[in-house]
């Protein structure tokens, strides 16, 4: 990478001294090159970090957010099921008590 920078600077310096390019053109070209190089380095770093994090077994923020949403959905389902079951369990409990009373009467006789 340092060789690329050095050769680019040398090339632009030659063009500038030969009058092929104006200082503004050289500066603009260097600015573009620096931005592209910076973007390339940023992508490489992000890739390396992602690979390292995956190897270590860390979860990404998006993964945790998705898990939290899923937990909330499951909690809502459990609450709905509990409410429905409670209504049925009251009836089932009273039926069990009636059956128990009837069987107790039969045993006593």
PDB file of N, CA and C in Angstrom:
ATOM      1  N   UNK A   1       0.831  -1.190   0.000  1.00  0.00           N
ATOM      2  CA  UNK A   1       0.000   0.000   0.000  1.00  0.00           C
ATOM      3  C   UNK A   1       0.874   1.253   0.000  1.00  0.00           C
ATOM      4  N   UNK A   2       1.949   1.234   0.795  1.00  0.00           N
ATOM      5  CA  UNK A   2       2.825   2.407   0.816  1.00  0.00           C
ATOM      6  C   UNK A   2       3.495   2.593  -0.538  1.00  0.00           C
ATOM      7  N   UNK A   3       3.743   1.479  -1.244  1.00  0.00           N
ATOM      8  CA  UNK A   3       4.320   1.575  -2.584  1.00  0.00           C
ATOM      9  C   UNK A   3       3.337   2.241  -3.536  1.00  0.00           C
ATOM     10  N   UNK A   4       2.043   1.890  -3.383  1.00  0.00           N
ATOM     11  CA  UNK A   4       1.020   2.512  -4.232  1.00  0.00           C
ATOM     12  C   UNK A   4       0.978   4.012  -4.008  1.00  0.00           C
ATOM     13  N   UNK A   5       1.021   4.416  -2.756  1.00  0.00           N
ATOM     14  CA  UNK A   5       0.973   5.833  -2.416  1.00  0.00           C
ATOM     15  C   UNK A   5       2.205   6.549  -2.971  1.00  0.00           C
ATOM     16  N   UNK A   6       3.356   5.952  -2.757  1.00  0.00           N
ATOM     17  CA  UNK A   6       4.591   6.573  -3.232  1.00  0.00           C
ATOM     18  C   UNK A   6       4.604   6.698  -4.755  1.00  0.00           C
ATOM     19  N   UNK A   7       4.219   5.628  -5.441  1.00  0.00           N
ATOM     20  CA  UNK A   7       4.233   5.676  -6.910  1.00  0.00           C
ATOM     21  C   UNK A   7       3.191   6.657  -7.431  1.00  0.00           C
ATOM     22  N   UNK A   8       2.039   6.733  -6.773  1.00  0.00           N
ATOM     23  CA  UNK A   8       1.011   7.692  -7.201  1.00  0.00           C
ATOM     24  C   UNK A   8       1.492   9.123  -7.016  1.00  0.00           C
ATOM     25  N   UNK A   9       2.089   9.380  -5.865  1.00  0.00           N
ATOM     26  CA  UNK A   9       2.602  10.737  -5.615  1.00  0.00           C
ATOM     27  C   UNK A   9       3.698  11.113  -6.609  1.00  0.00           C
ATOM     28  N   UNK A  10       4.564  10.160  -6.885  1.00  0.00           N
ATOM     29  CA  UNK A  10       5.649  10.408  -7.837  1.00  0.00           C
ATOM     30  C   UNK A  10       5.090  10.698  -9.229  1.00  0.00           C
ATOM     31  N   UNK A  11       4.085   9.917  -9.623  1.00  0.00           N
ATOM     32  CA  UNK A  11       3.448  10.088 -10.934  1.00  0.00           C
ATOM     33  C   UNK A  11       2.794  11.469 -11.034  1.00  0.00           C
ATOM     34  N   UNK A  12       2.055  11.854  -9.980  1.00  0.00           N
ATOM     35  CA  UNK A  12       1.403  13.166  -9.997  1.00  0.00           C
ATOM     36  C   UNK A  12       2.421  14.299  -9.955  1.00  0.00           C
ATOM     37  N   UNK A  13       3.502  14.111  -9.212  1.00  0.00           N
ATOM     38  CA  UNK A  13       4.553  15.142  -9.160  1.00  0.00           C
ATOM     39  C   UNK A  13       5.189  15.332 -10.535  1.00  0.00           C
ATOM     40  N   UNK A  14       5.415  14.244 -11.259  1.00  0.00           N
ATOM     41  CA  UNK A  14       5.972  14.342 -12.618  1.00  0.00           C
ATOM     42  C   UNK A  14       5.019  15.075 -13.551  1.00  0.00           C
ATOM     43  N   UNK A  15       3.745  14.749 -13.473  1.00  0.00           N
ATOM     44  CA  UNK A  15       2.758  15.407 -14.341  1.00  0.00           C
ATOM     45  C   UNK A  15       2.642  16.885 -14.005  1.00  0.00           C
ATOM     46  N   UNK A  16       2.745  17.177 -12.713  1.00  0.00           N
ATOM     47  CA  UNK A  16       2.665  18.568 -12.270  1.00  0.00           C
ATOM     48  C   UNK A  16       3.885  19.355 -12.771  1.00  0.00           C
ATOM     49  N   UNK A  17       5.046  18.767 -12.638  1.00  0.00           N
ATOM     50  CA  UNK A  17       6.260  19.480 -13.063  1.00  0.00           C
ATOM     51  C   UNK A  17       6.346  19.600 -14.583  1.00  0.00           C
ATOM     52  N   UNK A  18       5.767  18.644 -15.312  1.00  0.00           N
ATOM     53  CA  UNK A  18       5.772  18.707 -16.783  1.00  0.00           C
ATOM     54  C   UNK A  18       4.674  19.618 -17.316  1.00  0.00           C
ATOM     55  N   UNK A  19       3.834  20.113 -16.443  1.00  0.00           N
ATOM     56  CA  UNK A  19       2.766  21.002 -16.870  1.00  0.00           C
ATOM     57  C   UNK A  19       1.555  20.270 -17.430  1.00  0.00           C
ATOM     58  N   UNK A  20       1.517  18.953 -17.282  1.00  0.00           N
ATOM     59  CA  UNK A  20       0.365  18.189 -17.777  1.00  0.00           C
ATOM     60  C   UNK A  20      -0.867  18.382 -16.896  1.00  0.00           C
ATOM     61  N   UNK A  21      -0.617  18.613 -15.630  1.00  0.00           N
ATOM     62  CA  UNK A  21      -1.723  18.786 -14.677  1.00  0.00           C
ATOM     63  C   UNK A  21      -1.504  20.062 -13.882  1.00  0.00           C
ATOM     64  N   UNK A  22      -2.624  20.666 -13.486  1.00  0.00           N
ATOM     65  CA  UNK A  22      -2.552  21.827 -12.609  1.00  0.00           C
ATOM     66  C   UNK A  22      -2.537  21.332 -11.162  1.00  0.00           C
ATOM     67  N   UNK A  23      -2.078  22.180 -10.261  1.00  0.00           N
ATOM     68  CA  UNK A  23      -2.095  21.764  -8.844  1.00  0.00           C
ATOM     69  C   UNK A  23      -3.498  21.374  -8.361  1.00  0.00           C
ATOM     70  N   UNK A  24      -4.520  22.049  -8.840  1.00  0.00           N
ATOM     71  CA  UNK A  24      -5.896  21.728  -8.441  1.00  0.00           C
ATOM     72  C   UNK A  24      -6.298  20.334  -8.939  1.00  0.00           C
ATOM     73  N   UNK A  25      -5.891  20.005 -10.171  1.00  0.00           N
ATOM     74  CA  UNK A  25      -6.207  18.684 -10.721  1.00  0.00           C
ATOM     75  C   UNK A  25      -5.500  17.580  -9.942  1.00  0.00           C
ATOM     76  N   UNK A  26      -4.221  17.848  -9.607  1.00  0.00           N
ATOM     77  CA  UNK A  26      -3.454  16.866  -8.830  1.00  0.00           C
ATOM     78  C   UNK A  26      -4.087  16.680  -7.445  1.00  0.00           C
ATOM     79  N   UNK A  27      -4.455  17.786  -6.822  1.00  0.00           N
ATOM     80  CA  UNK A  27      -5.069  17.718  -5.495  1.00  0.00           C
ATOM     81  C   UNK A  27      -6.397  16.966  -5.550  1.00  0.00           C
ATOM     82  N   UNK A  28      -7.196  17.238  -6.579  1.00  0.00           N
ATOM     83  CA  UNK A  28      -8.482  16.549  -6.719  1.00  0.00           C
ATOM     84  C   UNK A  28      -8.283  15.051  -6.943  1.00  0.00           C
ATOM     85  N   UNK A  29      -7.317  14.698  -7.796  1.00  0.00           N
ATOM     86  CA  UNK A  29      -7.041  13.290  -8.064  1.00  0.00           C
ATOM     87  C   UNK A  29      -6.544  12.586  -6.807  1.00  0.00           C
ATOM     88  N   UNK A  30      -5.663  13.253  -6.058  1.00  0.00           N
ATOM     89  CA  UNK A  30      -5.170  12.668  -4.815  1.00  0.00           C
ATOM     90  C   UNK A  30      -6.294  12.514  -3.783  1.00  0.00           C
ATOM     91  N   UNK A  31      -7.159  13.489  -3.751  1.00  0.00           N
ATOM     92  CA  UNK A  31      -8.290  13.431  -2.825  1.00  0.00           C
ATOM     93  C   UNK A  31      -9.188  12.227  -3.137  1.00  0.00           C
ATOM     94  N   UNK A  32      -9.460  12.011  -4.401  1.00  0.00           N
ATOM     95  CA  UNK A  32     -10.275  10.866  -4.825  1.00  0.00           C
ATOM     96  C   UNK A  32      -9.572   9.559  -4.462  1.00  0.00           C
ATOM     97  N   UNK A  33      -8.271   9.505  -4.747  1.00  0.00           N
ATOM     98  CA  UNK A  33      -7.504   8.293  -4.460  1.00  0.00           C
ATOM     99  C   UNK A  33      -7.508   7.990  -2.961  1.00  0.00           C
ATOM    100  N   UNK A  34      -7.324   9.037  -2.139  1.00  0.00           N
ATOM    101  CA  UNK A  34      -7.321   8.852  -0.686  1.00  0.00           C
ATOM    102  C   UNK A  34      -8.676   8.353  -0.181  1.00  0.00           C
ATOM    103  N   UNK A  35      -9.744   8.912  -0.731  1.00  0.00           N
ATOM    104  CA  UNK A  35     -11.083   8.480  -0.311  1.00  0.00           C
ATOM    105  C   UNK A  35     -11.319   7.016  -0.668  1.00  0.00           C
ATOM    106  N   UNK A  36     -10.960   6.639  -1.893  1.00  0.00           N
ATOM    107  CA  UNK A  36     -11.139   5.248  -2.316  1.00  0.00           C
ATOM    108  C   UNK A  36     -10.282   4.302  -1.477  1.00  0.00           C
ATOM    109  N   UNK A  37      -9.060   4.716  -1.194  1.00  0.00           N
ATOM    110  CA  UNK A  37      -8.176   3.898  -0.367  1.00  0.00           C
ATOM    111  C   UNK A  37      -8.730   3.761   1.050  1.00  0.00           C
ATOM    112  N   UNK A  38      -9.243   4.858   1.580  1.00  0.00           N
ATOM    113  CA  UNK A  38      -9.837   4.836   2.921  1.00  0.00           C
ATOM    114  C   UNK A  38     -11.042   3.910   2.981  1.00  0.00           C
ATOM    115  N   UNK A  39     -11.879   3.960   1.946  1.00  0.00           N
ATOM    116  CA  UNK A  39     -13.047   3.073   1.894  1.00  0.00           C
ATOM    117  C   UNK A  39     -12.621   1.612   1.825  1.00  0.00           C
ATOM    118  N   UNK A  40     -11.589   1.349   1.048  1.00  0.00           N
ATOM    119  CA  UNK A  40     -11.076  -0.014   0.921  1.00  0.00           C
ATOM    120  C   UNK A  40     -10.542  -0.524   2.258  1.00  0.00           C
ATOM    121  N   UNK A  41      -9.799   0.316   2.946  1.00  0.00           N
ATOM    122  CA  UNK A  41      -9.256  -0.066   4.255  1.00  0.00           C
ATOM    123  C   UNK A  41     -10.391  -0.302   5.245  1.00  0.00           C
ATOM    124  N   UNK A  42     -11.379   0.573   5.223  1.00  0.00           N
ATOM    125  CA  UNK A  42     -12.529   0.428   6.124  1.00  0.00           C
ATOM    126  C   UNK A  42     -13.239  -0.899   5.884  1.00  0.00           C
ATOM    127  N   UNK A  43     -13.454  -1.265   4.634  1.00  0.00           N
ATOM    128  CA  UNK A  43     -14.111  -2.532   4.314  1.00  0.00           C
ATOM    129  C   UNK A  43     -13.294  -3.714   4.807  1.00  0.00           C
ATOM    130  N   UNK A  44     -11.990  -3.638   4.627  1.00  0.00           N
ATOM    131  CA  UNK A  44     -11.110  -4.727   5.085  1.00  0.00           C
ATOM    132  C   UNK A  44     -11.173  -4.873   6.604  1.00  0.00           C
ATOM    133  N   UNK A  45     -11.131  -3.761   7.295  1.00  0.00           N
ATOM    134  CA  UNK A  45     -11.185  -3.796   8.764  1.00  0.00           C
ATOM    135  C   UNK A  45     -12.509  -4.376   9.228  1.00  0.00           C
ATOM    136  N   UNK A  46     -13.622  -3.917   8.646  1.00  0.00           N
ATOM    137  CA  UNK A  46     -14.936  -4.431   9.024  1.00  0.00           C
ATOM    138  C   UNK A  46     -15.037  -5.933   8.775  1.00  0.00           C
ATOM    139  N   UNK A  47     -14.482  -6.385   7.668  1.00  0.00           N
ATOM    140  CA  UNK A  47     -14.495  -7.805   7.349  1.00  0.00           C
ATOM    141  C   UNK A  47     -13.702  -8.607   8.381  1.00  0.00           C
ATOM    142  N   UNK A  48     -12.516  -8.122   8.705  1.00  0.00           N
ATOM    143  CA  UNK A  48     -11.670  -8.817   9.686  1.00  0.00           C
ATOM    144  C   UNK A  48     -12.331  -8.848  11.059  1.00  0.00           C
ATOM    145  N   UNK A  49     -12.925  -7.739  11.463  1.00  0.00           N
ATOM    146  CA  UNK A  49     -13.596  -7.688  12.763  1.00  0.00           C
ATOM    147  C   UNK A  49     -14.777  -8.661  12.783  1.00  0.00           C
ATOM    148  N   UNK A  50     -15.565  -8.688  11.723  1.00  0.00           N
ATOM    149  CA  UNK A  50     -16.704  -9.602  11.650  1.00  0.00           C
ATOM    150  C   UNK A  50     -16.256 -11.057  11.745  1.00  0.00           C
ATOM    151  N   UNK A  51     -15.190 -11.391  11.037  1.00  0.00           N
ATOM    152  CA  UNK A  51     -14.676 -12.758  11.083  1.00  0.00           C
ATOM    153  C   UNK A  51     -14.167 -13.105  12.479  1.00  0.00           C
ATOM    154  N   UNK A  52     -13.462 -12.184  13.099  1.00  0.00           N
ATOM    155  CA  UNK A  52     -12.925 -12.425  14.444  1.00  0.00           C
ATOM    156  C   UNK A  52     -14.054 -12.582  15.462  1.00  0.00           C
ATOM    157  N   UNK A  53     -15.045 -11.731  15.366  1.00  0.00           N
ATOM    158  CA  UNK A  53     -16.179 -11.796  16.286  1.00  0.00           C
ATOM    159  C   UNK A  53     -16.928 -13.112  16.109  1.00  0.00           C
ATOM    160  N   UNK A  54     -17.116 -13.542  14.877  1.00  0.00           N
ATOM    161  CA  UNK A  54     -17.798 -14.806  14.615  1.00  0.00           C
ATOM    162  C   UNK A  54     -17.001 -15.981  15.178  1.00  0.00           C
ATOM    163  N   UNK A  55     -15.686 -15.935  15.017  1.00  0.00           N
ATOM    164  CA  UNK A  55     -14.841 -17.009  15.551  1.00  0.00           C
ATOM    165  C   UNK A  55     -14.920 -17.077  17.070  1.00  0.00           C
ATOM    166  N   UNK A  56     -15.024 -15.926  17.718  1.00  0.00           N
ATOM    167  CA  UNK A  56     -15.082 -15.884  19.179  1.00  0.00           C
ATOM    168  C   UNK A  56     -16.462 -16.248  19.716  1.00  0.00           C
ATOM    169  N   UNK A  57     -17.459 -16.259  18.840  1.00  0.00           N
ATOM    170  CA  UNK A  57     -18.798 -16.643  19.270  1.00  0.00           C
ATOM    171  C   UNK A  57     -19.638 -15.493  19.813  1.00  0.00           C
ATOM    172  N   UNK A  58     -19.222 -14.277  19.574  1.00  0.00           N
ATOM    173  CA  UNK A  58     -20.014 -13.133  20.036  1.00  0.00           C
ATOM    174  C   UNK A  58     -21.239 -12.948  19.150  1.00  0.00           C
ATOM    175  N   UNK A  59     -22.299 -12.438  19.743  1.00  0.00           N
ATOM    176  CA  UNK A  59     -23.514 -12.151  18.986  1.00  0.00           C
ATOM    177  C   UNK A  59     -23.484 -10.699  18.522  1.00  0.00           C
ATOM    178  N   UNK A  60     -24.063 -10.458  17.361  1.00  0.00           N
ATOM    179  CA  UNK A  60     -24.165  -9.098  16.844  1.00  0.00           C
ATOM    180  C   UNK A  60     -25.370  -8.423  17.486  1.00  0.00           C
ATOM    181  N   UNK A  61     -25.385  -7.115  17.429  1.00  0.00           N
ATOM    182  CA  UNK A  61     -26.491  -6.349  18.002  1.00  0.00           C
ATOM    183  C   UNK A  61     -27.808  -6.716  17.316  1.00  0.00           C
ATOM    184  N   UNK A  62     -27.766  -6.915  15.998  1.00  0.00           N
ATOM    185  CA  UNK A  62     -28.977  -7.302  15.260  1.00  0.00           C
ATOM    186  C   UNK A  62     -29.502  -8.650  15.743  1.00  0.00           C
ATOM    187  N   UNK A  63     -28.597  -9.584  16.007  1.00  0.00           N
ATOM    188  CA  UNK A  63     -29.006 -10.897  16.506  1.00  0.00           C
ATOM    189  C   UNK A  63     -29.708 -10.773  17.853  1.00  0.00           C
ATOM    190  N   UNK A  64     -29.143  -9.955  18.741  1.00  0.00           N
ATOM    191  CA  UNK A  64     -29.747  -9.763  20.055  1.00  0.00           C
ATOM    192  C   UNK A  64     -31.104  -9.072  19.957  1.00  0.00           C
ATOM    193  N   UNK A  65     -31.204  -8.104  19.069  1.00  0.00           N
ATOM    194  CA  UNK A  65     -32.474  -7.411  18.871  1.00  0.00           C
ATOM    195  C   UNK A  65     -33.544  -8.380  18.373  1.00  0.00           C
ATOM    196  N   UNK A  66     -33.180  -9.234  17.425  1.00  0.00           N
ATOM    197  CA  UNK A  66     -34.129 -10.234  16.913  1.00  0.00           C
ATOM    198  C   UNK A  66     -34.539 -11.207  18.007  1.00  0.00           C
ATOM    199  N   UNK A  67     -33.599 -11.607  18.846  1.00  0.00           N
ATOM    200  CA  UNK A  67     -33.928 -12.514  19.950  1.00  0.00           C
ATOM    201  C   UNK A  67     -34.881 -11.858  20.951  1.00  0.00           C
ATOM    202  N   UNK A  68     -34.636 -10.597  21.252  1.00  0.00           N
ATOM    203  CA  UNK A  68     -35.519  -9.880  22.180  1.00  0.00           C
ATOM    204  C   UNK A  68     -36.938  -9.774  21.620  1.00  0.00           C
ATOM    205  N   UNK A  69     -37.061  -9.502  20.341  1.00  0.00           N
ATOM    206  CA  UNK A  69     -38.383  -9.435  19.708  1.00  0.00           C
ATOM    207  C   UNK A  69     -39.082 -10.789  19.803  1.00  0.00           C
ATOM    208  N   UNK A  70     -38.331 -11.848  19.539  1.00  0.00           N
ATOM    209  CA  UNK A  70     -38.892 -13.211  19.592  1.00  0.00           C
ATOM    210  C   UNK A  70     -39.336 -13.556  21.011  1.00  0.00           C
ATOM    211  N   UNK A  71     -38.547 -13.159  22.005  1.00  0.00           N
ATOM    212  CA  UNK A  71     -38.914 -13.412  23.399  1.00  0.00           C
ATOM    213  C   UNK A  71     -40.203 -12.680  23.749  1.00  0.00           C
ATOM    214  N   UNK A  72     -40.331 -11.422  23.298  1.00  0.00           N
ATOM    215  CA  UNK A  72     -41.546 -10.657  23.556  1.00  0.00           C
ATOM    216  C   UNK A  72     -42.763 -11.338  22.933  1.00  0.00           C
ATOM    217  N   UNK A  73     -42.604 -11.826  21.698  1.00  0.00           N
ATOM    218  CA  UNK A  73     -43.706 -12.530  21.033  1.00  0.00           C
ATOM    219  C   UNK A  73     -44.102 -13.775  21.813  1.00  0.00           C
ATOM    220  N   UNK A  74     -43.126 -14.528  22.265  1.00  0.00           N
ATOM    221  CA  UNK A  74     -43.412 -15.748  23.018  1.00  0.00           C
ATOM    222  C   UNK A  74     -44.074 -15.438  24.358  1.00  0.00           C
ATOM    223  N   UNK A  75     -43.624 -14.360  25.011  1.00  0.00           N
ATOM    224  CA  UNK A  75     -44.245 -13.963  26.273  1.00  0.00           C
ATOM    225  C   UNK A  75     -45.711 -13.581  26.069  1.00  0.00           C
ATOM    226  N   UNK A  76     -46.013 -12.892  24.975  1.00  0.00           N
ATOM    227  CA  UNK A  76     -47.404 -12.542  24.677  1.00  0.00           C
ATOM    228  C   UNK A  76     -48.231 -13.799  24.454  1.00  0.00           C
ATOM    229  N   UNK A  77     -47.661 -14.771  23.738  1.00  0.00           N
ATOM    230  CA  UNK A  77     -48.374 -16.023  23.489  1.00  0.00           C
ATOM    231  C   UNK A  77     -48.624 -16.770  24.791  1.00  0.00           C
ATOM    232  N   UNK A  78     -47.649 -16.759  25.675  1.00  0.00           N
ATOM    233  CA  UNK A  78     -47.813 -17.441  26.966  1.00  0.00           C
ATOM    234  C   UNK A  78     -48.901 -16.762  27.780  1.00  0.00           C
ATOM    235  N   UNK A  79     -48.928 -15.445  27.783  1.00  0.00           N
ATOM    236  CA  UNK A  79     -49.959 -14.709  28.524  1.00  0.00           C
ATOM    237  C   UNK A  79     -51.342 -15.034  27.980  1.00  0.00           C
ATOM    238  N   UNK A  80     -51.490 -15.039  26.658  1.00  0.00           N
ATOM    239  CA  UNK A  80     -52.781 -15.363  26.059  1.00  0.00           C
ATOM    240  C   UNK A  80     -53.189 -16.788  26.401  1.00  0.00           C
ATOM    241  N   UNK A  81     -52.265 -17.709  26.330  1.00  0.00           N
ATOM    242  CA  UNK A  81     -52.556 -19.103  26.640  1.00  0.00           C
ATOM    243  C   UNK A  81     -52.932 -19.250  28.106  1.00  0.00           C
ATOM    244  N   UNK A  82     -52.249 -18.527  28.985  1.00  0.00           N
ATOM    245  CA  UNK A  82     -52.528 -18.590  30.419  1.00  0.00           C
ATOM    246  C   UNK A  82     -53.924 -18.059  30.713  1.00  0.00           C
ATOM    247  N   UNK A  83     -54.286 -16.965  30.074  1.00  0.00           N
ATOM    248  CA  UNK A  83     -55.615 -16.391  30.281  1.00  0.00           C
ATOM    249  C   UNK A  83     -56.681 -17.377  29.819  1.00  0.00           C
ATOM    250  N   UNK A  84     -56.489 -17.982  28.656  1.00  0.00           N
ATOM    251  CA  UNK A  84     -57.458 -18.953  28.143  1.00  0.00           C
ATOM    252  C   UNK A  84     -57.513 -20.179  29.038  1.00  0.00           C
ATOM    253  N   UNK A  85     -56.368 -20.628  29.492  1.00  0.00           N
ATOM    254  CA  UNK A  85     -56.304 -21.824  30.326  1.00  0.00           C
ATOM    255  C   UNK A  85     -56.930 -21.571  31.684  1.00  0.00           C
ATOM    256  N   UNK A  86     -56.755 -20.392  32.237  1.00  0.00           N
ATOM    257  CA  UNK A  86     -57.343 -20.076  33.544  1.00  0.00           C
ATOM    258  C   UNK A  86     -58.858 -20.157  33.473  1.00  0.00           C
ATOM    259  N   UNK A  87     -59.429 -19.667  32.412  1.00  0.00           N
ATOM    260  CA  UNK A  87     -60.881 -19.743  32.255  1.00  0.00           C
ATOM    261  C   UNK A  87     -61.333 -21.189  32.206  1.00  0.00           C
ATOM    262  N   UNK A  88     -60.622 -22.039  31.522  1.00  0.00           N
ATOM    263  CA  UNK A  88     -60.954 -23.459  31.439  1.00  0.00           C
ATOM    264  C   UNK A  88     -60.620 -24.186  32.726  1.00  0.00           C
ATOM    265  N   UNK A  89     -59.570 -23.778  33.424  1.00  0.00           N
ATOM    266  CA  UNK A  89     -59.174 -24.486  34.636  1.00  0.00           C
ATOM    267  C   UNK A  89     -60.158 -24.251  35.760  1.00  0.00           C
ATOM    268  N   UNK A  90     -60.817 -23.092  35.788  1.00  0.00           N
ATOM    269  CA  UNK A  90     -61.834 -22.840  36.808  1.00  0.00           C
ATOM    270  C   UNK A  90     -62.967 -23.839  36.625  1.00  0.00           C
ATOM    271  N   UNK A  91     -63.402 -24.010  35.389  1.00  0.00           N
ATOM    272  CA  UNK A  91     -64.459 -24.977  35.118  1.00  0.00           C
ATOM    273  C   UNK A  91     -63.983 -26.386  35.431  1.00  0.00           C
ATOM    274  N   UNK A  92     -62.782 -26.706  35.065  1.00  0.00           N
ATOM    275  CA  UNK A  92     -62.236 -28.043  35.299  1.00  0.00           C
ATOM    276  C   UNK A  92     -62.082 -28.295  36.791  1.00  0.00           C
ATOM    277  N   UNK A  93     -61.671 -27.281  37.554  1.00  0.00           N
ATOM    278  CA  UNK A  93     -61.504 -27.446  38.996  1.00  0.00           C
ATOM    279  C   UNK A  93     -62.846 -27.684  39.662  1.00  0.00           C
ATOM    280  N   UNK A  94     -63.858 -26.939  39.288  1.00  0.00           N
ATOM    281  CA  UNK A  94     -65.177 -27.127  39.902  1.00  0.00           C
ATOM    282  C   UNK A  94     -65.743 -28.499  39.536  1.00  0.00           C
ATOM    283  N   UNK A  95     -65.485 -28.951  38.312  1.00  0.00           N
ATOM    284  CA  UNK A  95     -65.935 -30.284  37.904  1.00  0.00           C
ATOM    285  C   UNK A  95     -65.227 -31.352  38.720  1.00  0.00           C
ATOM    286  N   UNK A  96     -63.946 -31.184  38.967  1.00  0.00           N
ATOM    287  CA  UNK A  96     -63.186 -32.150  39.756  1.00  0.00           C
ATOM    288  C   UNK A  96     -63.731 -32.214  41.180  1.00  0.00           C
ATOM    289  N   UNK A  97     -64.070 -31.052  41.737  1.00  0.00           N
ATOM    290  CA  UNK A  97     -64.616 -31.026  43.099  1.00  0.00           C
ATOM    291  C   UNK A  97     -65.946 -31.765  43.158  1.00  0.00           C
ATOM    292  N   UNK A  98     -66.791 -31.561  42.148  1.00  0.00           N
ATOM    293  CA  UNK A  98     -68.085 -32.235  42.122  1.00  0.00           C
ATOM    294  C   UNK A  98     -67.906 -33.744  42.023  1.00  0.00           C
ATOM    295  N   UNK A  99     -66.986 -34.167  41.172  1.00  0.00           N
ATOM    296  CA  UNK A  99     -66.723 -35.596  41.018  1.00  0.00           C
ATOM    297  C   UNK A  99     -66.174 -36.164  42.317  1.00  0.00           C
ATOM    298  N   UNK A 100     -65.299 -35.431  42.971  1.00  0.00           N
ATOM    299  CA  UNK A 100     -64.724 -35.892  44.236  1.00  0.00           C
ATOM    300  C   UNK A 100     -65.802 -36.035  45.296  1.00  0.00           C
ATOM    301  N   UNK A 101     -66.750 -35.067  45.342  1.00  0.00           N
ATOM    302  CA  UNK A 101     -67.823 -35.130  46.319  1.00  0.00           C
ATOM    303  C   UNK A 101     -68.722 -36.328  46.055  1.00  0.00           C
ATOM    304  N   UNK A 102     -69.041 -36.584  44.787  1.00  0.00           N
ATOM    305  CA  UNK A 102     -69.897 -37.710  44.438  1.00  0.00           C
ATOM    306  C   UNK A 102     -69.222 -39.034  44.802  1.00  0.00           C
ATOM    307  N   UNK A 103     -67.956 -39.145  44.515  1.00  0.00           N
ATOM    308  CA  UNK A 103     -67.251 -40.392  44.824  1.00  0.00           C
ATOM    309  C   UNK A 103     -67.100 -40.564  46.320  1.00  0.00           C
ATOM    310  N   UNK A 104     -66.968 -39.462  47.054  1.00  0.00           N
ATOM    311  CA  UNK A 104     -66.888 -39.556  48.507  1.00  0.00           C
ATOM    312  C   UNK A 104     -68.217 -40.029  49.075  1.00  0.00           C
ATOM    313  N   UNK A 105     -69.329 -39.593  48.503  1.00  0.00           N
ATOM    314  CA  UNK A 105     -70.659 -40.011  48.958  1.00  0.00           C
ATOM    315  C   UNK A 105     -70.835 -41.498  48.690  1.00  0.00           C
ATOM    316  N   UNK A 106     -70.366 -41.971  47.582  1.00  0.00           N
ATOM    317  CA  UNK A 106     -70.500 -43.367  47.236  1.00  0.00           C
ATOM    318  C   UNK A 106     -69.695 -44.260  48.203  1.00  0.00           C
ATOM    319  N   UNK A 107     -68.518 -43.790  48.579  1.00  0.00           N
ATOM    320  CA  UNK A 107     -67.681 -44.554  49.506  1.00  0.00           C
ATOM    321  C   UNK A 107     -68.323 -44.624  50.878  1.00  0.00           C
ATOM    322  N   UNK A 108     -68.929 -43.555  51.323  1.00  0.00           N
ATOM    323  CA  UNK A 108     -69.538 -43.483  52.650  1.00  0.00           C
ATOM    324  C   UNK A 108     -70.736 -44.408  52.725  1.00  0.00           C
ATOM    325  N   UNK A 109     -71.537 -44.561  51.711  1.00  0.00           N
ATOM    326  CA  UNK A 109     -72.736 -45.369  51.740  1.00  0.00           C
ATOM    327  C   UNK A 109     -72.332 -46.766  51.882  1.00  0.00           C
TER     328      UNK A 109
END
